[in-house]
């Protein structure tokens, strides 16, 4: 795993686009602070750039660098969540503008997956995490469900967990407001 983390981080540092196993399903990712690789992901997925993509961070400490304020309720929810959970926060900052919704919000998940956590700690910046599929098609739970066109479009396909058949699904998504408002986007 350490070798794969090192190899993957090298591509991220060069502004590359990666295909990688996440704490949910297989994803396409890049440096979440750079416009150009984010644009490439929109093109690879054939997705309109008005539909936001989420990012992964390794800790609350990293999260604090990319949103103005973390609602107290969000911290409570993170502490209690036993499943991968993406929270949409207001006041995004320091990220590629094409990742930030028109209302200034961004979806962020603190990953607990050992590979993703190690990659984020090695890279020291957030990583885009969007399903490795063409927009409108099902997200791939397993590597063998990823289309050849997606694999051929990335700079590096991680050689970790390709044979893993653990049942996974996309994360839940909540939008949490500064005054404690909660909206369930996906269960």
N, C-alpha and C. Protein backbone atom coordinates (compact mmCIF):
# COMPACT_ATOMS: atom_id res chain seq x y z
N UNK A 1 0.84 -1.20 0.00
CA UNK A 1 0.00 0.00 0.00
C UNK A 1 0.88 1.26 0.00
N UNK A 2 1.96 1.26 0.75
CA UNK A 2 2.82 2.45 0.82
C UNK A 2 3.39 2.82 -0.55
N UNK A 3 3.76 1.81 -1.34
CA UNK A 3 4.29 2.08 -2.68
C UNK A 3 3.22 2.70 -3.56
N UNK A 4 1.99 2.19 -3.49
CA UNK A 4 0.90 2.75 -4.28
C UNK A 4 0.57 4.17 -3.86
N UNK A 5 0.63 4.45 -2.58
CA UNK A 5 0.39 5.82 -2.10
C UNK A 5 1.45 6.75 -2.67
N UNK A 6 2.69 6.33 -2.62
CA UNK A 6 3.79 7.14 -3.14
C UNK A 6 3.63 7.38 -4.65
N UNK A 7 3.33 6.33 -5.40
CA UNK A 7 3.14 6.46 -6.85
C UNK A 7 1.97 7.40 -7.17
N UNK A 8 0.88 7.23 -6.47
CA UNK A 8 -0.31 8.04 -6.72
C UNK A 8 -0.07 9.50 -6.36
N UNK A 9 0.57 9.75 -5.24
CA UNK A 9 0.87 11.12 -4.82
C UNK A 9 1.75 11.82 -5.85
N UNK A 10 2.65 11.09 -6.46
CA UNK A 10 3.53 11.69 -7.48
C UNK A 10 2.70 12.24 -8.64
N UNK A 11 1.70 11.50 -9.08
CA UNK A 11 0.84 11.97 -10.17
C UNK A 11 0.01 13.17 -9.74
N UNK A 12 -0.48 13.15 -8.51
CA UNK A 12 -1.25 14.30 -8.00
C UNK A 12 -0.38 15.55 -7.94
N UNK A 13 0.85 15.39 -7.49
CA UNK A 13 1.78 16.54 -7.41
C UNK A 13 2.08 17.13 -8.78
N UNK A 14 1.97 16.33 -9.82
CA UNK A 14 2.21 16.79 -11.19
C UNK A 14 0.94 17.35 -11.84
N UNK A 15 -0.15 17.43 -11.07
CA UNK A 15 -1.41 17.94 -11.62
C UNK A 15 -2.19 16.89 -12.39
N UNK A 16 -1.90 15.61 -12.15
CA UNK A 16 -2.55 14.53 -12.88
C UNK A 16 -3.91 14.15 -12.33
N UNK A 17 -4.60 13.34 -13.12
CA UNK A 17 -5.90 12.80 -12.75
C UNK A 17 -5.71 11.31 -12.45
N UNK A 18 -6.28 10.87 -11.33
CA UNK A 18 -6.10 9.48 -10.90
C UNK A 18 -7.44 8.73 -10.86
N UNK A 19 -7.34 7.42 -10.93
CA UNK A 19 -8.46 6.52 -10.74
C UNK A 19 -8.11 5.72 -9.50
N UNK A 20 -8.97 5.75 -8.46
CA UNK A 20 -8.56 5.16 -7.19
C UNK A 20 -9.74 4.61 -6.38
N UNK A 21 -9.44 3.61 -5.53
CA UNK A 21 -10.49 3.09 -4.65
C UNK A 21 -10.67 4.04 -3.48
N UNK A 22 -11.91 4.37 -3.18
CA UNK A 22 -12.18 5.28 -2.07
C UNK A 22 -12.82 4.49 -0.93
N UNK A 23 -13.25 5.19 0.08
CA UNK A 23 -13.96 4.55 1.19
C UNK A 23 -15.39 4.17 0.80
N UNK A 24 -15.79 4.52 -0.40
CA UNK A 24 -17.10 4.14 -0.91
C UNK A 24 -16.91 3.34 -2.19
N UNK A 25 -17.01 3.97 -3.35
CA UNK A 25 -16.85 3.29 -4.63
C UNK A 25 -15.58 3.78 -5.31
N UNK A 26 -15.26 3.23 -6.48
CA UNK A 26 -14.08 3.69 -7.22
C UNK A 26 -14.31 5.12 -7.70
N UNK A 27 -13.27 5.93 -7.60
CA UNK A 27 -13.42 7.34 -7.94
C UNK A 27 -12.36 7.86 -8.88
N UNK A 28 -12.65 9.01 -9.44
CA UNK A 28 -11.68 9.78 -10.22
C UNK A 28 -11.31 10.96 -9.34
N UNK A 29 -10.03 11.29 -9.28
CA UNK A 29 -9.61 12.37 -8.41
C UNK A 29 -8.46 13.17 -8.98
N UNK A 30 -8.20 14.29 -8.31
CA UNK A 30 -7.09 15.18 -8.65
C UNK A 30 -6.90 16.15 -7.49
N UNK A 31 -5.92 17.00 -7.61
CA UNK A 31 -5.68 18.07 -6.65
C UNK A 31 -6.91 18.98 -6.66
N UNK A 32 -7.58 19.09 -5.53
CA UNK A 32 -8.81 19.88 -5.45
C UNK A 32 -8.56 21.38 -5.43
N UNK A 33 -7.31 21.81 -5.50
CA UNK A 33 -7.02 23.24 -5.50
C UNK A 33 -6.68 23.77 -6.90
N UNK A 34 -6.64 22.89 -7.89
CA UNK A 34 -6.23 23.30 -9.24
C UNK A 34 -7.39 23.18 -10.24
N UNK A 35 -7.64 24.28 -10.98
CA UNK A 35 -8.73 24.32 -11.96
C UNK A 35 -8.58 23.31 -13.09
N UNK A 36 -7.40 23.25 -13.69
CA UNK A 36 -7.21 22.47 -14.91
C UNK A 36 -7.51 20.98 -14.74
N UNK A 37 -6.95 20.31 -13.73
CA UNK A 37 -7.29 18.90 -13.58
C UNK A 37 -8.77 18.68 -13.23
N UNK A 38 -9.38 19.62 -12.51
CA UNK A 38 -10.80 19.51 -12.22
C UNK A 38 -11.59 19.58 -13.53
N UNK A 39 -11.21 20.48 -14.42
CA UNK A 39 -11.87 20.58 -15.74
C UNK A 39 -11.72 19.27 -16.51
N UNK A 40 -10.55 18.66 -16.42
CA UNK A 40 -10.34 17.37 -17.10
C UNK A 40 -11.31 16.32 -16.58
N UNK A 41 -11.55 16.31 -15.27
CA UNK A 41 -12.48 15.33 -14.72
C UNK A 41 -13.89 15.56 -15.25
N UNK A 42 -14.32 16.81 -15.33
CA UNK A 42 -15.64 17.09 -15.91
C UNK A 42 -15.70 16.55 -17.34
N UNK A 43 -14.63 16.75 -18.11
CA UNK A 43 -14.60 16.26 -19.50
C UNK A 43 -14.60 14.73 -19.55
N UNK A 44 -13.81 14.08 -18.71
CA UNK A 44 -13.76 12.61 -18.68
C UNK A 44 -15.13 12.04 -18.37
N UNK A 45 -15.82 12.63 -17.41
CA UNK A 45 -17.14 12.15 -17.00
C UNK A 45 -18.25 12.60 -17.95
N UNK A 46 -17.93 13.52 -18.87
CA UNK A 46 -18.91 14.11 -19.77
C UNK A 46 -20.05 14.72 -18.95
N UNK A 47 -19.62 15.46 -17.95
CA UNK A 47 -20.54 16.03 -16.97
C UNK A 47 -20.52 17.55 -17.07
N UNK A 48 -21.67 18.17 -16.99
CA UNK A 48 -21.71 19.62 -17.03
C UNK A 48 -21.04 20.17 -15.76
N UNK A 49 -20.31 21.24 -15.92
CA UNK A 49 -19.51 21.76 -14.81
C UNK A 49 -20.34 22.52 -13.77
N UNK A 50 -21.64 22.57 -13.95
CA UNK A 50 -22.48 23.22 -12.94
C UNK A 50 -22.84 22.25 -11.81
N UNK A 51 -22.62 20.96 -12.03
CA UNK A 51 -22.93 19.95 -11.02
C UNK A 51 -21.67 19.72 -10.19
N UNK A 52 -21.72 20.08 -8.92
CA UNK A 52 -20.54 20.05 -8.06
C UNK A 52 -20.00 18.64 -7.83
N UNK A 53 -18.72 18.57 -7.52
CA UNK A 53 -18.07 17.32 -7.13
C UNK A 53 -17.57 17.50 -5.70
N UNK A 54 -17.48 16.40 -4.98
CA UNK A 54 -17.02 16.50 -3.60
C UNK A 54 -15.52 16.30 -3.49
N UNK A 55 -14.99 16.59 -2.31
CA UNK A 55 -13.57 16.38 -2.06
C UNK A 55 -13.39 15.55 -0.79
N UNK A 56 -12.23 14.90 -0.71
CA UNK A 56 -11.85 14.15 0.47
C UNK A 56 -10.78 14.90 1.23
N UNK A 57 -10.86 14.84 2.56
CA UNK A 57 -9.80 15.33 3.44
C UNK A 57 -9.52 14.23 4.46
N UNK A 58 -8.40 14.36 5.17
CA UNK A 58 -8.01 13.30 6.11
C UNK A 58 -8.38 13.57 7.55
N UNK A 59 -8.83 14.80 7.85
CA UNK A 59 -9.07 15.15 9.25
C UNK A 59 -9.88 16.44 9.35
N UNK A 60 -10.36 16.71 10.56
CA UNK A 60 -11.02 17.99 10.83
C UNK A 60 -10.01 19.12 10.61
N UNK A 61 -8.76 18.88 10.97
CA UNK A 61 -7.72 19.90 10.77
C UNK A 61 -7.58 20.31 9.31
N UNK A 62 -7.61 19.35 8.39
CA UNK A 62 -7.54 19.67 6.97
C UNK A 62 -8.84 20.34 6.52
N UNK A 63 -9.96 19.87 7.03
CA UNK A 63 -11.27 20.46 6.70
C UNK A 63 -11.29 21.95 7.02
N UNK A 64 -10.75 22.32 8.18
CA UNK A 64 -10.75 23.71 8.63
C UNK A 64 -10.04 24.66 7.66
N UNK A 65 -9.13 24.14 6.86
CA UNK A 65 -8.39 24.97 5.90
C UNK A 65 -9.22 25.34 4.68
N UNK A 66 -10.35 24.63 4.46
CA UNK A 66 -11.07 24.80 3.21
C UNK A 66 -12.52 25.26 3.36
N UNK A 67 -12.96 25.53 4.59
CA UNK A 67 -14.27 26.15 4.81
C UNK A 67 -14.11 27.24 5.86
N UNK A 68 -14.93 28.29 5.72
CA UNK A 68 -14.83 29.41 6.66
C UNK A 68 -15.20 29.00 8.08
N UNK A 69 -16.31 28.27 8.22
CA UNK A 69 -16.81 27.88 9.54
C UNK A 69 -17.35 26.47 9.46
N UNK A 70 -17.02 25.67 10.45
CA UNK A 70 -17.59 24.33 10.55
C UNK A 70 -18.69 24.39 11.61
N UNK A 71 -19.94 24.19 11.19
CA UNK A 71 -21.01 24.21 12.18
C UNK A 71 -20.79 23.14 13.26
N UNK A 72 -21.08 23.48 14.52
CA UNK A 72 -20.91 22.53 15.62
C UNK A 72 -21.68 21.24 15.35
N UNK A 73 -22.86 21.37 14.78
CA UNK A 73 -23.67 20.19 14.50
C UNK A 73 -22.95 19.25 13.52
N UNK A 74 -22.23 19.81 12.57
CA UNK A 74 -21.49 18.98 11.61
C UNK A 74 -20.43 18.15 12.34
N UNK A 75 -19.75 18.75 13.28
CA UNK A 75 -18.73 18.00 14.05
C UNK A 75 -19.37 16.87 14.85
N UNK A 76 -20.54 17.12 15.41
CA UNK A 76 -21.26 16.08 16.15
C UNK A 76 -21.66 14.94 15.22
N UNK A 77 -22.16 15.29 14.05
CA UNK A 77 -22.58 14.27 13.09
C UNK A 77 -21.39 13.44 12.63
N UNK A 78 -20.27 14.09 12.35
CA UNK A 78 -19.05 13.38 11.94
C UNK A 78 -18.63 12.38 13.02
N UNK A 79 -18.64 12.82 14.25
CA UNK A 79 -18.23 11.95 15.37
C UNK A 79 -19.14 10.74 15.53
N UNK A 80 -20.41 10.89 15.22
CA UNK A 80 -21.38 9.81 15.40
C UNK A 80 -21.55 8.90 14.18
N UNK A 81 -21.14 9.38 13.02
CA UNK A 81 -21.37 8.62 11.79
C UNK A 81 -20.49 7.38 11.73
N UNK A 82 -21.14 6.27 11.44
CA UNK A 82 -20.41 5.00 11.30
C UNK A 82 -20.17 4.65 9.84
N UNK A 83 -20.81 5.36 8.93
CA UNK A 83 -20.67 5.13 7.50
C UNK A 83 -20.05 6.37 6.85
N UNK A 84 -19.44 6.20 5.67
CA UNK A 84 -18.93 7.38 4.96
C UNK A 84 -20.02 8.41 4.76
N UNK A 85 -19.72 9.64 5.11
CA UNK A 85 -20.70 10.72 5.05
C UNK A 85 -20.07 11.98 4.48
N UNK A 86 -20.69 12.50 3.45
CA UNK A 86 -20.27 13.76 2.86
C UNK A 86 -21.17 14.85 3.42
N UNK A 87 -20.54 15.93 3.87
CA UNK A 87 -21.31 17.07 4.37
C UNK A 87 -21.04 18.26 3.47
N UNK A 88 -22.10 18.95 3.09
CA UNK A 88 -21.97 20.16 2.29
C UNK A 88 -21.89 21.33 3.26
N UNK A 89 -20.77 22.03 3.18
CA UNK A 89 -20.48 23.16 4.07
C UNK A 89 -20.62 24.48 3.32
N UNK A 90 -21.10 25.52 4.00
CA UNK A 90 -21.09 26.86 3.40
C UNK A 90 -19.67 27.44 3.49
N UNK A 91 -19.41 28.44 2.71
CA UNK A 91 -18.16 29.20 2.85
C UNK A 91 -16.90 28.46 2.44
N UNK A 92 -16.93 27.80 1.27
CA UNK A 92 -15.74 27.13 0.76
C UNK A 92 -14.66 28.14 0.43
N UNK A 93 -13.40 27.71 0.64
CA UNK A 93 -12.28 28.60 0.30
C UNK A 93 -11.04 27.75 -0.03
N UNK A 94 -10.12 28.34 -0.79
CA UNK A 94 -8.85 27.69 -1.09
C UNK A 94 -8.95 26.52 -2.04
N UNK A 95 -10.08 26.36 -2.70
CA UNK A 95 -10.29 25.25 -3.62
C UNK A 95 -10.43 25.78 -5.05
N UNK A 96 -10.29 24.89 -6.01
CA UNK A 96 -10.52 25.29 -7.40
C UNK A 96 -11.94 25.85 -7.51
N UNK A 97 -12.10 27.03 -8.10
CA UNK A 97 -13.43 27.65 -8.18
C UNK A 97 -14.49 26.77 -8.83
N UNK A 98 -14.08 25.89 -9.76
CA UNK A 98 -15.05 25.04 -10.43
C UNK A 98 -15.52 23.86 -9.57
N UNK A 99 -15.04 23.77 -8.32
CA UNK A 99 -15.55 22.80 -7.36
C UNK A 99 -16.57 23.41 -6.40
N UNK A 100 -16.59 24.71 -6.36
CA UNK A 100 -17.45 25.42 -5.40
C UNK A 100 -18.79 25.75 -6.06
N UNK A 101 -19.87 25.38 -5.39
CA UNK A 101 -21.21 25.64 -5.91
C UNK A 101 -21.46 27.15 -5.97
N UNK A 102 -22.43 27.53 -6.77
CA UNK A 102 -22.73 28.96 -6.94
C UNK A 102 -23.11 29.64 -5.63
N UNK A 103 -23.60 28.86 -4.64
CA UNK A 103 -23.93 29.43 -3.33
C UNK A 103 -22.72 29.48 -2.38
N UNK A 104 -21.55 29.10 -2.89
CA UNK A 104 -20.32 29.16 -2.08
C UNK A 104 -20.06 27.91 -1.26
N UNK A 105 -20.88 26.88 -1.44
CA UNK A 105 -20.71 25.66 -0.64
C UNK A 105 -19.88 24.60 -1.36
N UNK A 106 -19.44 23.61 -0.59
CA UNK A 106 -18.68 22.49 -1.15
C UNK A 106 -18.95 21.24 -0.31
N UNK A 107 -19.01 20.09 -0.97
CA UNK A 107 -19.19 18.81 -0.29
C UNK A 107 -17.84 18.22 0.08
N UNK A 108 -17.68 17.88 1.36
CA UNK A 108 -16.41 17.34 1.85
C UNK A 108 -16.67 16.11 2.72
N UNK A 109 -15.85 15.08 2.52
CA UNK A 109 -15.92 13.89 3.35
C UNK A 109 -14.57 13.67 4.01
N UNK A 110 -14.60 13.43 5.31
CA UNK A 110 -13.38 13.05 6.03
C UNK A 110 -13.29 11.53 5.92
N UNK A 111 -12.31 11.06 5.19
CA UNK A 111 -12.20 9.64 4.94
C UNK A 111 -11.55 8.90 6.11
N UNK A 112 -11.99 7.68 6.31
CA UNK A 112 -11.38 6.80 7.30
C UNK A 112 -10.65 5.64 6.61
N UNK A 113 -10.79 5.54 5.29
CA UNK A 113 -10.16 4.48 4.53
C UNK A 113 -8.63 4.60 4.63
N UNK A 114 -7.93 3.52 4.98
CA UNK A 114 -6.46 3.61 5.15
C UNK A 114 -5.71 4.07 3.91
N UNK A 115 -6.12 3.60 2.71
CA UNK A 115 -5.43 4.04 1.50
C UNK A 115 -5.65 5.53 1.27
N UNK A 116 -6.90 5.96 1.28
CA UNK A 116 -7.22 7.38 1.03
C UNK A 116 -6.60 8.28 2.09
N UNK A 117 -6.67 7.86 3.34
CA UNK A 117 -6.10 8.66 4.42
C UNK A 117 -4.58 8.81 4.23
N UNK A 118 -3.92 7.70 3.91
CA UNK A 118 -2.48 7.74 3.66
C UNK A 118 -2.12 8.61 2.48
N UNK A 119 -2.93 8.54 1.42
CA UNK A 119 -2.70 9.36 0.23
C UNK A 119 -2.85 10.85 0.57
N UNK A 120 -3.90 11.20 1.28
CA UNK A 120 -4.12 12.59 1.68
C UNK A 120 -3.00 13.10 2.58
N UNK A 121 -2.54 12.27 3.49
CA UNK A 121 -1.45 12.68 4.38
C UNK A 121 -0.15 12.85 3.61
N UNK A 122 0.06 12.03 2.62
CA UNK A 122 1.27 12.15 1.79
C UNK A 122 1.19 13.37 0.88
N UNK A 123 0.02 13.62 0.31
CA UNK A 123 -0.18 14.71 -0.63
C UNK A 123 -0.35 16.07 0.06
N UNK A 124 -0.90 16.07 1.26
CA UNK A 124 -1.08 17.28 2.08
C UNK A 124 -2.09 18.28 1.54
N UNK A 125 -2.95 17.86 0.65
CA UNK A 125 -4.01 18.72 0.13
C UNK A 125 -5.24 17.85 -0.12
N UNK A 126 -6.42 18.48 -0.23
CA UNK A 126 -7.63 17.70 -0.52
C UNK A 126 -7.61 17.15 -1.94
N UNK A 127 -8.35 16.06 -2.12
CA UNK A 127 -8.43 15.39 -3.41
C UNK A 127 -9.90 15.30 -3.84
N UNK A 128 -10.14 15.58 -5.11
CA UNK A 128 -11.48 15.41 -5.67
C UNK A 128 -11.84 13.94 -5.58
N UNK A 129 -13.10 13.66 -5.30
CA UNK A 129 -13.61 12.29 -5.27
C UNK A 129 -14.96 12.28 -5.95
N UNK A 130 -14.99 11.80 -7.18
CA UNK A 130 -16.24 11.67 -7.92
C UNK A 130 -16.26 10.28 -8.53
N UNK A 131 -17.43 9.70 -8.65
CA UNK A 131 -17.53 8.33 -9.14
C UNK A 131 -16.86 8.17 -10.51
N UNK A 132 -16.23 7.01 -10.71
CA UNK A 132 -15.48 6.73 -11.93
C UNK A 132 -16.41 6.20 -13.02
N UNK A 133 -17.28 7.07 -13.48
CA UNK A 133 -18.25 6.71 -14.51
C UNK A 133 -18.57 7.90 -15.38
N UNK A 134 -19.16 7.62 -16.54
CA UNK A 134 -19.69 8.67 -17.38
C UNK A 134 -20.98 9.15 -16.70
N UNK A 135 -21.19 10.45 -16.68
CA UNK A 135 -22.37 11.03 -16.01
C UNK A 135 -23.64 10.30 -16.44
N UNK A 136 -24.46 9.96 -15.43
CA UNK A 136 -25.72 9.28 -15.68
C UNK A 136 -25.64 7.77 -15.59
N UNK A 137 -24.45 7.19 -15.64
CA UNK A 137 -24.27 5.75 -15.50
C UNK A 137 -24.02 5.40 -14.04
N UNK A 138 -24.23 4.15 -13.66
CA UNK A 138 -24.00 3.75 -12.27
C UNK A 138 -22.54 3.89 -11.86
N UNK A 139 -22.32 4.27 -10.60
CA UNK A 139 -20.97 4.37 -10.07
C UNK A 139 -20.40 2.98 -9.84
N UNK A 140 -19.12 2.74 -10.14
CA UNK A 140 -18.52 1.42 -10.03
C UNK A 140 -18.11 1.06 -8.60
N UNK A 141 -18.72 0.03 -8.06
CA UNK A 141 -18.32 -0.47 -6.75
C UNK A 141 -17.02 -1.26 -6.86
N UNK A 142 -16.78 -1.85 -8.03
CA UNK A 142 -15.61 -2.69 -8.24
C UNK A 142 -14.82 -2.20 -9.46
N UNK A 143 -13.53 -2.47 -9.46
CA UNK A 143 -12.67 -2.02 -10.55
C UNK A 143 -13.15 -2.55 -11.91
N UNK A 144 -13.60 -3.81 -11.95
CA UNK A 144 -14.00 -4.39 -13.23
C UNK A 144 -15.29 -3.77 -13.78
N UNK A 145 -15.93 -2.88 -13.04
CA UNK A 145 -17.12 -2.18 -13.52
C UNK A 145 -16.79 -0.83 -14.16
N UNK A 146 -15.50 -0.47 -14.16
CA UNK A 146 -15.09 0.82 -14.73
C UNK A 146 -14.88 0.65 -16.23
N UNK A 147 -15.43 1.57 -17.00
CA UNK A 147 -15.32 1.47 -18.46
C UNK A 147 -13.88 1.70 -18.92
N UNK A 148 -13.55 1.08 -20.04
CA UNK A 148 -12.22 1.24 -20.63
C UNK A 148 -11.95 2.70 -20.97
N UNK A 149 -12.98 3.44 -21.37
CA UNK A 149 -12.77 4.85 -21.73
C UNK A 149 -12.35 5.67 -20.51
N UNK A 150 -12.91 5.36 -19.35
CA UNK A 150 -12.50 6.06 -18.12
C UNK A 150 -11.06 5.70 -17.79
N UNK A 151 -10.74 4.41 -17.80
CA UNK A 151 -9.37 3.97 -17.47
C UNK A 151 -8.35 4.62 -18.39
N UNK A 152 -8.67 4.67 -19.69
CA UNK A 152 -7.73 5.25 -20.66
C UNK A 152 -7.60 6.77 -20.53
N UNK A 153 -8.56 7.42 -19.87
CA UNK A 153 -8.56 8.89 -19.78
C UNK A 153 -7.76 9.45 -18.62
N UNK A 154 -7.43 8.63 -17.64
CA UNK A 154 -6.71 9.13 -16.46
C UNK A 154 -5.21 8.98 -16.64
N UNK A 155 -4.45 9.69 -15.80
CA UNK A 155 -2.99 9.61 -15.87
C UNK A 155 -2.45 8.41 -15.09
N UNK A 156 -3.20 7.99 -14.06
CA UNK A 156 -2.73 6.86 -13.25
C UNK A 156 -3.92 6.13 -12.65
N UNK A 157 -3.95 4.82 -12.85
CA UNK A 157 -4.97 3.96 -12.24
C UNK A 157 -4.31 3.19 -11.11
N UNK A 158 -4.76 3.42 -9.91
CA UNK A 158 -4.17 2.80 -8.72
C UNK A 158 -4.29 1.28 -8.81
N UNK A 159 -3.20 0.62 -8.48
CA UNK A 159 -3.15 -0.84 -8.50
C UNK A 159 -3.30 -1.37 -7.07
N UNK A 160 -4.39 -0.98 -6.45
CA UNK A 160 -4.67 -1.38 -5.07
C UNK A 160 -6.15 -1.70 -4.97
N UNK A 161 -6.50 -2.80 -4.41
CA UNK A 161 -7.89 -3.24 -4.22
C UNK A 161 -8.63 -3.48 -5.53
N UNK A 162 -7.92 -3.74 -6.61
CA UNK A 162 -8.59 -4.00 -7.88
C UNK A 162 -9.42 -5.29 -7.83
N UNK A 163 -9.01 -6.24 -7.03
CA UNK A 163 -9.72 -7.51 -6.93
C UNK A 163 -10.72 -7.52 -5.77
N UNK A 164 -10.76 -6.48 -4.99
CA UNK A 164 -11.64 -6.41 -3.82
C UNK A 164 -13.11 -6.43 -4.27
N UNK A 165 -13.89 -7.29 -3.67
CA UNK A 165 -15.31 -7.39 -4.00
C UNK A 165 -16.19 -7.03 -2.80
N UNK A 166 -15.64 -6.26 -1.86
CA UNK A 166 -16.42 -5.80 -0.72
C UNK A 166 -17.55 -4.90 -1.23
N UNK A 167 -18.76 -5.20 -0.81
CA UNK A 167 -19.91 -4.41 -1.26
C UNK A 167 -19.81 -2.98 -0.72
N UNK A 168 -19.87 -2.01 -1.60
CA UNK A 168 -19.77 -0.61 -1.23
C UNK A 168 -20.87 0.18 -1.95
N UNK A 169 -21.14 1.35 -1.40
CA UNK A 169 -22.11 2.23 -2.04
C UNK A 169 -21.66 3.67 -1.82
N UNK A 170 -22.23 4.60 -2.60
CA UNK A 170 -21.87 6.01 -2.41
C UNK A 170 -22.17 6.48 -0.99
N UNK A 171 -21.50 7.53 -0.57
CA UNK A 171 -21.71 8.06 0.78
C UNK A 171 -23.07 8.73 0.90
N UNK A 172 -23.53 8.86 2.13
CA UNK A 172 -24.67 9.70 2.40
C UNK A 172 -24.24 11.15 2.23
N UNK A 173 -25.17 12.02 1.94
CA UNK A 173 -24.84 13.44 1.78
C UNK A 173 -25.83 14.28 2.58
N UNK A 174 -25.29 15.14 3.44
CA UNK A 174 -26.09 16.09 4.22
C UNK A 174 -25.60 17.50 3.93
N UNK A 175 -26.52 18.43 3.94
CA UNK A 175 -26.15 19.85 3.87
C UNK A 175 -26.43 20.43 5.25
N UNK A 176 -25.41 21.01 5.87
CA UNK A 176 -25.53 21.55 7.22
C UNK A 176 -25.29 23.06 7.17
N UNK A 177 -26.26 23.80 7.68
CA UNK A 177 -26.15 25.25 7.70
C UNK A 177 -25.51 25.76 8.99
N UNK A 178 -25.13 27.01 8.99
CA UNK A 178 -24.46 27.61 10.14
C UNK A 178 -25.36 27.72 11.37
N UNK A 179 -26.68 27.70 11.14
CA UNK A 179 -27.61 27.81 12.27
C UNK A 179 -28.19 26.45 12.66
N UNK A 180 -27.55 25.37 12.19
CA UNK A 180 -27.99 24.03 12.55
C UNK A 180 -29.04 23.42 11.63
N UNK A 181 -29.32 24.07 10.50
CA UNK A 181 -30.26 23.50 9.54
C UNK A 181 -29.61 22.27 8.89
N UNK A 182 -30.43 21.24 8.67
CA UNK A 182 -29.95 20.03 8.02
C UNK A 182 -30.87 19.69 6.87
N UNK A 183 -30.27 19.36 5.73
CA UNK A 183 -31.03 18.88 4.58
C UNK A 183 -30.37 17.56 4.14
N UNK A 184 -31.16 16.50 4.07
CA UNK A 184 -30.65 15.21 3.60
C UNK A 184 -30.70 15.23 2.08
N UNK A 185 -29.52 15.09 1.46
CA UNK A 185 -29.44 15.08 0.00
C UNK A 185 -29.48 13.64 -0.52
N UNK A 186 -28.73 12.75 0.17
CA UNK A 186 -28.73 11.33 -0.19
C UNK A 186 -28.52 10.51 1.06
N UNK A 187 -29.36 9.50 1.25
CA UNK A 187 -29.24 8.62 2.43
C UNK A 187 -28.17 7.57 2.21
